[in-house]
């Protein structure tokens, strides 16, 4: 039963990965907008860039891991 539940939280396809990255981006831009309100000027803009930059790095890592897992699965099947 625990195995079935854990499969719900596993990213299996690129489409699922893009949905998760999109959700992360929405959250990051919302957080960045709050930073712009709290810290006007260059400080808020740098924090905004940091939040969105983290999504780019995280998204690239998610997509790379999917590619790596697929290659490992194909290697084990062969």
Protein backbone atom coordinates (compact mmCIF):
# COMPACT_ATOMS: atom_id res chain seq x y z
CA UNK A 1 0.00 0.00 0.00
CA UNK A 2 2.83 2.37 0.85
CA UNK A 3 4.37 1.65 -2.54
CA UNK A 4 1.16 2.69 -4.31
CA UNK A 5 1.04 5.94 -2.36
CA UNK A 6 4.70 6.68 -3.10
CA UNK A 7 4.05 6.32 -6.85
CA UNK A 8 1.68 9.30 -6.62
CA UNK A 9 4.61 11.51 -5.66
CA UNK A 10 6.98 10.27 -8.36
CA UNK A 11 7.55 12.32 -11.50
CA UNK A 12 7.33 9.87 -14.38
CA UNK A 13 6.94 11.98 -17.55
CA UNK A 14 8.23 15.25 -18.92
CA UNK A 15 4.67 16.59 -18.93
CA UNK A 16 4.39 16.05 -15.18
CA UNK A 17 7.78 17.72 -14.74
CA UNK A 18 6.66 20.77 -16.71
CA UNK A 19 3.50 21.02 -14.62
CA UNK A 20 5.56 20.99 -11.43
CA UNK A 21 8.01 23.54 -12.81
CA UNK A 22 5.09 25.77 -13.80
CA UNK A 23 3.67 25.56 -10.27
CA UNK A 24 7.08 26.39 -8.82
CA UNK A 25 7.38 29.37 -11.17
CA UNK A 26 3.99 30.71 -10.12
CA UNK A 27 4.96 30.48 -6.47
CA UNK A 28 8.33 32.09 -7.11
CA UNK A 29 6.89 35.04 -8.99
CA UNK A 30 4.31 35.57 -6.25
CA UNK A 31 7.07 35.50 -3.65
CA UNK A 32 9.13 37.85 -5.82
CA UNK A 33 6.21 40.29 -6.07
CA UNK A 34 6.02 40.33 -2.27
CA UNK A 35 9.74 41.01 -2.13
CA UNK A 36 9.29 43.96 -4.49
CA UNK A 37 6.64 45.37 -2.14
CA UNK A 38 8.67 44.81 1.02
CA UNK A 39 12.04 45.87 -0.36
CA UNK A 40 11.65 48.61 -2.96
CA UNK A 41 14.58 49.32 -5.22
CA UNK A 42 17.50 47.16 -6.22
CA UNK A 43 17.23 44.88 -3.16
CA UNK A 44 13.74 43.72 -4.05
CA UNK A 45 14.68 43.28 -7.69
CA UNK A 46 17.66 41.12 -6.76
CA UNK A 47 15.50 38.97 -4.50
CA UNK A 48 12.95 38.64 -7.31
CA UNK A 49 15.68 37.48 -9.66
CA UNK A 50 16.94 35.03 -7.04
CA UNK A 51 13.51 33.41 -6.64
CA UNK A 52 12.98 33.04 -10.37
CA UNK A 53 16.57 31.89 -10.91
CA UNK A 54 16.05 29.12 -8.37
CA UNK A 55 13.14 27.83 -10.44
CA UNK A 56 15.33 27.71 -13.55
CA UNK A 57 18.00 25.75 -11.71
CA UNK A 58 15.48 23.41 -10.08
CA UNK A 59 13.61 22.86 -13.34
CA UNK A 60 16.80 21.99 -15.18
CA UNK A 61 17.71 19.51 -12.44
CA UNK A 62 14.27 17.86 -12.59
CA UNK A 63 14.49 17.46 -16.37
CA UNK A 64 18.06 16.13 -16.18
CA UNK A 65 17.07 13.60 -13.54
CA UNK A 66 14.21 12.35 -15.71
CA UNK A 67 16.62 11.86 -18.61
CA UNK A 68 19.09 10.05 -16.35
CA UNK A 69 16.42 7.77 -14.86
CA UNK A 70 15.13 6.88 -18.32
CA UNK A 71 18.67 6.02 -19.50
CA UNK A 72 19.26 3.84 -16.42
CA UNK A 73 15.94 2.06 -16.93
CA UNK A 74 16.76 1.41 -20.59
CA UNK A 75 20.22 0.13 -19.64
CA UNK A 76 18.76 -2.29 -17.08
CA UNK A 77 16.21 -3.62 -19.58
CA UNK A 78 18.90 -4.27 -22.19
